[in-house]
Amino acid sequence: MTKETTGPVLLSGGNPQIAKGDGDGPVQAYIAAMPAWKSEVGRQLDAAISQAIPDVRKAVKWNSPFYGTTENGWFLGIHCFNRYVKIAFFHGAALNPLPPGASKQKNVRYLDIHENEPIDDAQLIDWVRQASRIPGDPI
């Protein structure tokens, strides 16, 4: 008798386990697998990032969606936790104003989004545009 699976496995902390892959497809699979209210947050974030950077490159790496540009590399990642969705700005210390969450890595800054917490789309889009212009890890 085999065990049937009904979808992606949620790893410790509630992050969906999605195979690595380039392009929009793996990112949309990740967003669809985000549990409960987090999936809608994922859709909102993906739409805002795509609006801010129409030619944004997407991939899933290390069970997290990554966003980047051909010119400057990866600038942002999303990760799902039990109680919130974390946006990592890989060179967030260079953004103005600074995203609120500090990191052990001096260049990284975070924005945590909790259930029923509104997303400041204008600020998010501004940070995304700024972050996309900072050279980062190659795609």
Protein backbone atom coordinates (compact mmCIF):
# COMPACT_ATOMS: atom_id res chain seq x y z
CA MET A 1 0.00 0.00 0.00
CA THR A 2 1.41 3.41 -0.96
CA LYS A 3 0.87 6.67 0.82
CA GLU A 4 -0.82 9.30 -1.33
CA THR A 5 0.33 12.87 -1.06
CA THR A 6 -2.09 15.74 -1.40
CA GLY A 7 0.44 18.44 -2.15
CA PRO A 8 3.77 19.86 -1.10
CA VAL A 9 5.10 19.01 2.33
CA LEU A 10 5.30 21.82 4.85
CA LEU A 11 8.73 21.92 6.42
CA SER A 12 9.45 22.88 10.01
CA GLY A 13 8.14 26.38 10.53
CA GLY A 14 5.42 26.03 7.87
CA ASN A 15 7.51 26.68 4.76
CA PRO A 16 6.40 24.70 1.66
CA GLN A 17 8.93 22.25 0.22
CA ILE A 18 9.10 23.11 -3.48
CA ALA A 19 11.69 21.77 -5.91
CA LYS A 20 14.32 24.22 -7.13
CA GLY A 21 13.50 25.76 -10.47
CA ASP A 22 13.79 28.88 -12.58
CA GLY A 23 10.89 30.97 -13.79
CA ASP A 24 7.40 31.90 -12.72
CA GLY A 25 6.09 28.31 -12.54
CA PRO A 26 8.02 27.19 -9.44
CA VAL A 27 7.27 30.51 -7.72
CA GLN A 28 3.55 30.14 -8.39
CA ALA A 29 3.70 26.53 -7.08
CA TYR A 30 5.32 27.85 -3.89
CA ILE A 31 2.68 30.56 -3.49
CA ALA A 32 -0.14 28.06 -4.04
CA ALA A 33 1.39 25.78 -1.37
CA MET A 34 1.71 28.54 1.24
CA PRO A 35 -0.73 27.59 4.02
CA ALA A 36 -3.90 29.50 4.88
CA TRP A 37 -3.75 33.33 4.75
CA LYS A 38 -0.09 33.28 3.70
CA SER A 39 -0.97 32.24 0.15
CA GLU A 40 -2.91 35.49 -0.39
CA VAL A 41 0.04 37.45 1.04
CA GLY A 42 2.30 35.57 -1.40
CA ARG A 43 0.05 36.54 -4.33
CA GLN A 44 0.03 40.18 -3.21
CA LEU A 45 3.82 40.26 -2.84
CA ASP A 46 4.41 38.57 -6.20
CA ALA A 47 2.01 41.00 -7.92
CA ALA A 48 3.64 44.05 -6.30
CA ILE A 49 7.15 42.86 -7.20
CA SER A 50 6.08 42.09 -10.78
CA GLN A 51 4.42 45.51 -11.03
CA ALA A 52 7.53 47.29 -9.75
CA ILE A 53 9.94 45.33 -11.99
CA PRO A 54 8.03 44.07 -15.07
CA ASP A 55 10.97 41.98 -16.34
CA VAL A 56 11.81 40.52 -12.90
CA ARG A 57 13.51 37.12 -12.91
CA LYS A 58 12.03 34.49 -10.59
CA ALA A 59 13.23 31.19 -9.17
CA VAL A 60 12.77 28.90 -6.21
CA LYS A 61 16.01 28.19 -4.37
CA TRP A 62 16.39 26.67 -0.90
CA ASN A 63 12.59 26.34 -0.64
CA SER A 64 12.06 30.08 -1.08
CA PRO A 65 11.07 32.30 -4.01
CA PHE A 66 13.86 34.58 -5.20
CA TYR A 67 13.48 37.71 -7.33
CA GLY A 68 16.21 39.38 -9.35
CA THR A 69 17.27 41.17 -12.48
CA THR A 70 19.64 40.07 -15.20
CA GLU A 71 21.74 43.19 -14.65
CA ASN A 72 22.08 43.11 -10.85
CA GLY A 73 21.25 39.58 -9.72
CA TRP A 74 19.06 38.41 -6.84
CA PHE A 75 17.76 41.17 -4.59
CA LEU A 76 14.87 39.67 -2.60
CA GLY A 77 13.60 36.40 -1.17
CA ILE A 78 10.40 35.30 0.54
CA HIS A 79 10.13 32.67 3.27
CA CYS A 80 7.09 31.31 5.05
CA PHE A 81 7.06 30.81 8.84
CA ASN A 82 4.31 29.58 11.17
CA ARG A 83 3.14 33.04 12.21
CA TYR A 84 4.39 35.33 9.43
CA VAL A 85 5.84 35.72 5.95
CA LYS A 86 9.38 37.12 5.84
CA ILE A 87 10.70 39.26 3.00
CA ALA A 88 14.50 39.37 2.90
CA PHE A 89 16.09 42.31 1.11
CA PHE A 90 19.57 40.92 0.46
CA HIS A 91 21.15 44.41 0.37
CA GLY A 92 18.48 46.05 2.50
CA ALA A 93 20.96 48.05 4.56
CA ALA A 94 21.32 50.29 1.48
CA LEU A 95 17.57 51.02 1.26
CA ASN A 96 16.01 54.27 2.39
CA PRO A 97 14.17 54.10 4.71
CA LEU A 98 15.56 50.89 6.15
CA PRO A 99 13.19 47.92 6.26
CA PRO A 100 12.38 47.37 9.95
CA GLY A 101 13.96 43.95 10.62
CA ALA A 102 17.67 43.67 11.35
CA SER A 103 19.70 40.59 10.48
CA LYS A 104 22.86 38.92 11.73
CA GLN A 105 24.17 39.67 8.23
CA LYS A 106 25.01 43.36 8.07
CA ASN A 107 23.64 43.94 4.55
CA VAL A 108 20.33 42.07 4.95
CA ARG A 109 17.12 43.66 6.22
CA TYR A 110 13.72 42.04 6.72
CA LEU A 111 10.05 42.88 6.55
CA ASP A 112 7.76 40.47 8.42
CA ILE A 113 4.08 40.31 7.47
CA HIS A 114 1.63 38.88 10.01
CA GLU A 115 -1.97 37.77 9.55
CA ASN A 116 -4.46 40.63 9.11
CA GLU A 117 -1.60 43.11 8.83
CA PRO A 118 -1.96 45.51 5.89
CA ILE A 119 0.88 45.68 3.39
CA ASP A 120 2.08 49.18 2.56
CA ASP A 121 2.20 48.60 -1.22
CA ALA A 122 3.74 51.99 -1.98
CA GLN A 123 6.61 51.43 0.47
CA LEU A 124 7.09 47.83 -0.67
CA ILE A 125 7.26 48.85 -4.34
CA ASP A 126 9.73 51.63 -3.48
CA TRP A 127 11.97 49.16 -1.62
CA VAL A 128 11.72 46.64 -4.48
CA ARG A 129 12.72 49.25 -7.05
CA GLN A 130 15.63 50.44 -4.91
CA ALA A 131 16.77 46.87 -4.16
CA SER A 132 16.64 45.86 -7.83
CA ARG A 133 19.23 48.52 -8.69
CA ILE A 134 21.84 47.29 -6.17
CA PRO A 135 24.29 44.71 -7.53
CA GLY A 136 23.75 41.35 -5.82
CA ASP A 137 24.38 37.65 -6.27
CA PRO A 138 24.46 36.63 -9.94
CA ILE A 139 21.47 34.91 -11.47
